[in-house]
PDB file of all heavy atoms in Angstrom:
ATOM      1  N   VAL A   1      -3.253   0.156  -0.031  1.00  0.00           N
ATOM      2  CA  VAL A   1      -4.629   0.291   0.412  1.00  0.00           C
ATOM      3  C   VAL A   1      -5.516  -0.617  -0.437  1.00  0.00           C
ATOM      4  O   VAL A   1      -6.422  -1.267   0.022  1.00  0.00           O
ATOM      5  CB  VAL A   1      -5.087   1.818   0.295  1.00  0.00           C
ATOM      6  CG1 VAL A   1      -6.620   1.970   0.403  1.00  0.00           C
ATOM      7  CG2 VAL A   1      -4.358   2.634   1.328  1.00  0.00           C
ATOM      8  N   ALA A   2      -5.258  -0.726  -1.686  1.00  0.00           N
ATOM      9  CA  ALA A   2      -6.051  -1.531  -2.612  1.00  0.00           C
ATOM     10  C   ALA A   2      -5.779  -3.050  -2.136  1.00  0.00           C
ATOM     11  O   ALA A   2      -6.828  -3.808  -2.179  1.00  0.00           O
ATOM     12  CB  ALA A   2      -5.534  -1.488  -4.085  1.00  0.00           C
ATOM     13  N   LEU A   3      -4.641  -3.420  -1.698  1.00  0.00           N
ATOM     14  CA  LEU A   3      -4.469  -4.751  -1.109  1.00  0.00           C
ATOM     15  C   LEU A   3      -5.284  -5.001   0.045  1.00  0.00           C
ATOM     16  O   LEU A   3      -5.898  -5.923   0.314  1.00  0.00           O
ATOM     17  CB  LEU A   3      -3.015  -4.948  -0.787  1.00  0.00           C
ATOM     18  CG  LEU A   3      -2.035  -5.396  -1.905  1.00  0.00           C
ATOM     19  CD1 LEU A   3      -0.580  -5.244  -1.406  1.00  0.00           C
ATOM     20  CD2 LEU A   3      -2.388  -6.791  -2.436  1.00  0.00           C
ATOM     21  N   GLY A   4      -5.287  -3.964   0.989  1.00  0.00           N
ATOM     22  CA  GLY A   4      -5.980  -3.932   2.187  1.00  0.00           C
ATOM     23  C   GLY A   4      -7.520  -4.039   2.044  1.00  0.00           C
ATOM     24  O   GLY A   4      -8.208  -4.725   2.845  1.00  0.00           O
ATOM     25  N   TRP A   5      -8.005  -3.401   0.975  1.00  0.00           N
ATOM     26  CA  TRP A   5      -9.487  -3.392   0.675  1.00  0.00           C
ATOM     27  C   TRP A   5      -9.892  -4.622  -0.050  1.00  0.00           C
ATOM     28  O   TRP A   5     -11.063  -4.752  -0.330  1.00  0.00           O
ATOM     29  CB  TRP A   5      -9.866  -2.221  -0.081  1.00  0.00           C
ATOM     30  CG  TRP A   5      -9.791  -0.874   0.740  1.00  0.00           C
ATOM     31  CD1 TRP A   5      -9.624  -0.757   2.136  1.00  0.00           C
ATOM     32  CD2 TRP A   5      -9.936   0.438   0.238  1.00  0.00           C
ATOM     33  NE1 TRP A   5      -9.748   0.575   2.327  1.00  0.00           N
ATOM     34  CE2 TRP A   5      -9.929   1.339   1.356  1.00  0.00           C
ATOM     35  CE3 TRP A   5     -10.078   0.966  -1.081  1.00  0.00           C
ATOM     36  CZ2 TRP A   5      -9.968   2.694   1.200  1.00  0.00           C
ATOM     37  CZ3 TRP A   5     -10.067   2.255  -1.234  1.00  0.00           C
ATOM     38  CH2 TRP A   5     -10.100   3.197  -0.038  1.00  0.00           C
ATOM     39  N   GLY A   6      -8.902  -5.546  -0.412  1.00  0.00           N
ATOM     40  CA  GLY A   6      -9.240  -6.662  -1.210  1.00  0.00           C
ATOM     41  C   GLY A   6      -9.479  -6.505  -2.598  1.00  0.00           C
ATOM     42  O   GLY A   6     -10.021  -7.368  -3.339  1.00  0.00           O
ATOM     43  N   LYS A   7      -9.138  -5.341  -3.138  1.00  0.00           N
ATOM     44  CA  LYS A   7      -9.401  -5.006  -4.568  1.00  0.00           C
ATOM     45  C   LYS A   7      -8.208  -5.434  -5.435  1.00  0.00           C
ATOM     46  O   LYS A   7      -8.387  -5.433  -6.699  1.00  0.00           O
ATOM     47  CB  LYS A   7      -9.529  -3.544  -4.695  1.00  0.00           C
ATOM     48  CG  LYS A   7     -10.771  -2.961  -4.093  1.00  0.00           C
ATOM     49  CD  LYS A   7     -10.906  -1.447  -4.389  1.00  0.00           C
ATOM     50  CE  LYS A   7     -12.155  -0.860  -3.833  1.00  0.00           C
ATOM     51  NZ  LYS A   7     -12.417   0.437  -4.321  1.00  0.00           N
ATOM     52  N   LEU A   8      -7.080  -5.824  -4.841  1.00  0.00           N
ATOM     53  CA  LEU A   8      -5.913  -6.199  -5.558  1.00  0.00           C
ATOM     54  C   LEU A   8      -5.252  -7.395  -4.908  1.00  0.00           C
ATOM     55  O   LEU A   8      -5.236  -7.488  -3.641  1.00  0.00           O
ATOM     56  CB  LEU A   8      -4.882  -4.989  -5.502  1.00  0.00           C
ATOM     57  CG  LEU A   8      -3.646  -5.096  -6.204  1.00  0.00           C
ATOM     58  CD1 LEU A   8      -3.824  -5.205  -7.825  1.00  0.00           C
ATOM     59  CD2 LEU A   8      -2.796  -3.772  -6.001  1.00  0.00           C
ATOM     60  N   GLN A   9      -4.866  -8.318  -5.737  1.00  0.00           N
ATOM     61  CA  GLN A   9      -4.133  -9.557  -5.211  1.00  0.00           C
ATOM     62  C   GLN A   9      -2.760  -9.532  -5.822  1.00  0.00           C
ATOM     63  O   GLN A   9      -2.608  -9.446  -7.066  1.00  0.00           O
ATOM     64  CB  GLN A   9      -4.856 -10.768  -5.624  1.00  0.00           C
ATOM     65  CG  GLN A   9      -6.270 -10.900  -5.141  1.00  0.00           C
ATOM     66  CD  GLN A   9      -6.377 -10.886  -3.648  1.00  0.00           C
ATOM     67  OE1 GLN A   9      -5.624 -11.546  -2.959  1.00  0.00           O
ATOM     68  NE2 GLN A   9      -7.302 -10.160  -3.065  1.00  0.00           N
ATOM     69  N   LEU A  10      -1.733  -9.575  -5.010  1.00  0.00           N
ATOM     70  CA  LEU A  10      -0.329  -9.550  -5.503  1.00  0.00           C
ATOM     71  C   LEU A  10       0.460 -10.617  -4.658  1.00  0.00           C
ATOM     72  O   LEU A  10       0.222 -10.831  -3.617  1.00  0.00           O
ATOM     73  CB  LEU A  10       0.263  -8.117  -5.254  1.00  0.00           C
ATOM     74  CG  LEU A  10      -0.321  -6.970  -5.936  1.00  0.00           C
ATOM     75  CD1 LEU A  10       0.408  -5.680  -5.419  1.00  0.00           C
ATOM     76  CD2 LEU A  10      -0.141  -7.011  -7.423  1.00  0.00           C
ATOM     77  N   GLU A  11       1.542 -11.003  -5.285  1.00  0.00           N
ATOM     78  CA  GLU A  11       2.508 -11.850  -4.605  1.00  0.00           C
ATOM     79  C   GLU A  11       3.610 -10.930  -3.918  1.00  0.00           C
ATOM     80  O   GLU A  11       3.952 -11.214  -2.767  1.00  0.00           O
ATOM     81  CB  GLU A  11       3.218 -12.717  -5.534  1.00  0.00           C
ATOM     82  CG  GLU A  11       2.348 -13.786  -6.130  1.00  0.00           C
ATOM     83  CD  GLU A  11       2.976 -14.662  -7.248  1.00  0.00           C
ATOM     84  OE1 GLU A  11       4.253 -14.514  -7.431  1.00  0.00           O
ATOM     85  OE2 GLU A  11       2.340 -15.473  -7.824  1.00  0.00           O
ATOM     86  N   LYS A  12       3.942  -9.831  -4.617  1.00  0.00           N
ATOM     87  CA  LYS A  12       4.985  -8.920  -4.087  1.00  0.00           C
ATOM     88  C   LYS A  12       4.645  -7.532  -4.372  1.00  0.00           C
ATOM     89  O   LYS A  12       4.031  -7.220  -5.362  1.00  0.00           O
ATOM     90  CB  LYS A  12       6.384  -9.391  -4.735  1.00  0.00           C
ATOM     91  CG  LYS A  12       6.797 -10.720  -4.313  1.00  0.00           C
ATOM     92  CD  LYS A  12       8.139 -11.047  -5.008  1.00  0.00           C
ATOM     93  CE  LYS A  12       8.527 -12.469  -4.714  1.00  0.00           C
ATOM     94  NZ  LYS A  12       9.674 -12.858  -5.396  1.00  0.00           N
ATOM     95  N   ILE A  13       5.203  -6.661  -3.654  1.00  0.00           N
ATOM     96  CA  ILE A  13       5.041  -5.272  -3.751  1.00  0.00           C
ATOM     97  C   ILE A  13       6.334  -4.487  -3.379  1.00  0.00           C
ATOM     98  O   ILE A  13       6.975  -4.873  -2.355  1.00  0.00           O
ATOM     99  CB  ILE A  13       3.852  -4.660  -2.973  1.00  0.00           C
ATOM    100  CG1 ILE A  13       3.543  -3.207  -3.249  1.00  0.00           C
ATOM    101  CG2 ILE A  13       3.965  -4.871  -1.468  1.00  0.00           C
ATOM    102  CD1 ILE A  13       2.247  -2.715  -2.704  1.00  0.00           C
ATOM    103  N   VAL A  14       6.773  -3.499  -4.077  1.00  0.00           N
ATOM    104  CA  VAL A  14       7.891  -2.616  -3.804  1.00  0.00           C
ATOM    105  C   VAL A  14       7.276  -1.275  -3.501  1.00  0.00           C
ATOM    106  O   VAL A  14       6.777  -0.626  -4.411  1.00  0.00           O
ATOM    107  CB  VAL A  14       8.901  -2.562  -4.915  1.00  0.00           C
ATOM    108  CG1 VAL A  14      10.112  -1.702  -4.584  1.00  0.00           C
ATOM    109  CG2 VAL A  14       9.441  -4.041  -5.242  1.00  0.00           C
ATOM    110  N   LEU A  15       7.490  -0.774  -2.335  1.00  0.00           N
ATOM    111  CA  LEU A  15       7.068   0.575  -1.987  1.00  0.00           C
ATOM    112  C   LEU A  15       8.262   1.478  -1.865  1.00  0.00           C
ATOM    113  O   LEU A  15       9.164   1.312  -1.023  1.00  0.00           O
ATOM    114  CB  LEU A  15       6.335   0.561  -0.624  1.00  0.00           C
ATOM    115  CG  LEU A  15       5.140  -0.330  -0.713  1.00  0.00           C
ATOM    116  CD1 LEU A  15       4.989  -1.106   0.742  1.00  0.00           C
ATOM    117  CD2 LEU A  15       3.903   0.441  -0.903  1.00  0.00           C
ATOM    118  N   ILE A  16       8.351   2.538  -2.667  1.00  0.00           N
ATOM    119  CA  ILE A  16       9.509   3.458  -2.667  1.00  0.00           C
ATOM    120  C   ILE A  16       9.042   4.754  -2.033  1.00  0.00           C
ATOM    121  O   ILE A  16       8.065   5.399  -2.521  1.00  0.00           O
ATOM    122  CB  ILE A  16      10.061   3.660  -4.072  1.00  0.00           C
ATOM    123  CG1 ILE A  16      10.478   2.279  -4.633  1.00  0.00           C
ATOM    124  CG2 ILE A  16      11.188   4.602  -4.095  1.00  0.00           C
ATOM    125  CD1 ILE A  16      10.659   2.344  -6.215  1.00  0.00           C
ATOM    126  N   SER A  17       9.696   5.151  -0.966  1.00  0.00           N
ATOM    127  CA  SER A  17       9.405   6.352  -0.210  1.00  0.00           C
ATOM    128  C   SER A  17       7.901   6.501   0.164  1.00  0.00           C
ATOM    129  O   SER A  17       7.298   7.490  -0.090  1.00  0.00           O
ATOM    130  CB  SER A  17       9.862   7.621  -1.039  1.00  0.00           C
ATOM    131  OG  SER A  17      11.128   7.440  -1.620  1.00  0.00           O
ATOM    132  N   PRO A  18       7.272   5.473   0.760  1.00  0.00           N
ATOM    133  CA  PRO A  18       5.950   5.505   1.103  1.00  0.00           C
ATOM    134  C   PRO A  18       5.584   6.349   2.301  1.00  0.00           C
ATOM    135  O   PRO A  18       6.503   6.443   3.197  1.00  0.00           O
ATOM    136  CB  PRO A  18       5.532   4.023   1.376  1.00  0.00           C
ATOM    137  CG  PRO A  18       6.761   3.476   1.950  1.00  0.00           C
ATOM    138  CD  PRO A  18       7.967   4.163   1.157  1.00  0.00           C
ATOM    139  N   PRO A  19       4.489   6.949   2.332  1.00  0.00           N
ATOM    140  CA  PRO A  19       4.019   7.717   3.567  1.00  0.00           C
ATOM    141  C   PRO A  19       3.502   6.740   4.633  1.00  0.00           C
ATOM    142  O   PRO A  19       2.901   5.752   4.341  1.00  0.00           O
ATOM    143  CB  PRO A  19       2.957   8.682   3.017  1.00  0.00           C
ATOM    144  CG  PRO A  19       2.351   7.936   1.865  1.00  0.00           C
ATOM    145  CD  PRO A  19       3.558   7.094   1.253  1.00  0.00           C
ATOM    146  N   ALA A  20       3.778   7.112   5.804  1.00  0.00           N
ATOM    147  CA  ALA A  20       3.174   6.237   6.974  1.00  0.00           C
ATOM    148  C   ALA A  20       2.140   7.093   7.681  1.00  0.00           C
ATOM    149  O   ALA A  20       1.281   6.558   8.389  1.00  0.00           O
ATOM    150  CB  ALA A  20       4.278   5.868   7.981  1.00  0.00           C
ATOM    151  N   ASP A  21       2.126   8.438   7.550  1.00  0.00           N
ATOM    152  CA  ASP A  21       1.359   9.305   8.349  1.00  0.00           C
ATOM    153  C   ASP A  21       0.781  10.441   7.414  1.00  0.00           C
ATOM    154  O   ASP A  21       1.505  11.394   7.083  1.00  0.00           O
ATOM    155  CB  ASP A  21       2.138   9.855   9.514  1.00  0.00           C
ATOM    156  CG  ASP A  21       1.298  10.972  10.203  1.00  0.00           C
ATOM    157  OD1 ASP A  21       0.234  11.164  10.029  1.00  0.00           O
ATOM    158  OD2 ASP A  21       2.070  11.752  10.995  1.00  0.00           O
ATOM    159  N   LEU A  22      -0.436  10.192   6.841  1.00  0.00           N
ATOM    160  CA  LEU A  22      -0.926  11.224   5.983  1.00  0.00           C
ATOM    161  C   LEU A  22      -1.281  12.561   6.540  1.00  0.00           C
ATOM    162  O   LEU A  22      -0.994  13.572   5.843  1.00  0.00           O
ATOM    163  CB  LEU A  22      -2.269  10.643   5.310  1.00  0.00           C
ATOM    164  CG  LEU A  22      -2.041   9.379   4.477  1.00  0.00           C
ATOM    165  CD1 LEU A  22      -3.332   8.896   3.883  1.00  0.00           C
ATOM    166  CD2 LEU A  22      -1.052   9.569   3.296  1.00  0.00           C
ATOM    167  N   VAL A  23      -1.692  12.532   7.765  1.00  0.00           N
ATOM    168  CA  VAL A  23      -2.015  13.923   8.388  1.00  0.00           C
ATOM    169  C   VAL A  23      -0.708  14.653   8.580  1.00  0.00           C
ATOM    170  O   VAL A  23      -0.649  15.868   8.265  1.00  0.00           O
ATOM    171  CB  VAL A  23      -2.772  13.636   9.668  1.00  0.00           C
ATOM    172  CG1 VAL A  23      -2.882  15.013  10.417  1.00  0.00           C
ATOM    173  CG2 VAL A  23      -4.114  13.007   9.423  1.00  0.00           C
ATOM    174  N   GLY A  24       0.367  13.911   9.088  1.00  0.00           N
ATOM    175  CA  GLY A  24       1.666  14.650   9.247  1.00  0.00           C
ATOM    176  C   GLY A  24       2.132  15.153   7.886  1.00  0.00           C
ATOM    177  O   GLY A  24       2.775  16.251   7.791  1.00  0.00           O
TER     178      GLY A  24
END
């Protein structure tokens, strides 16, 4: 989300067990 909002700039990211559906 920080990347999407432009608050964070990264070359790479590792997401471990991320949620895709917060409501669910």
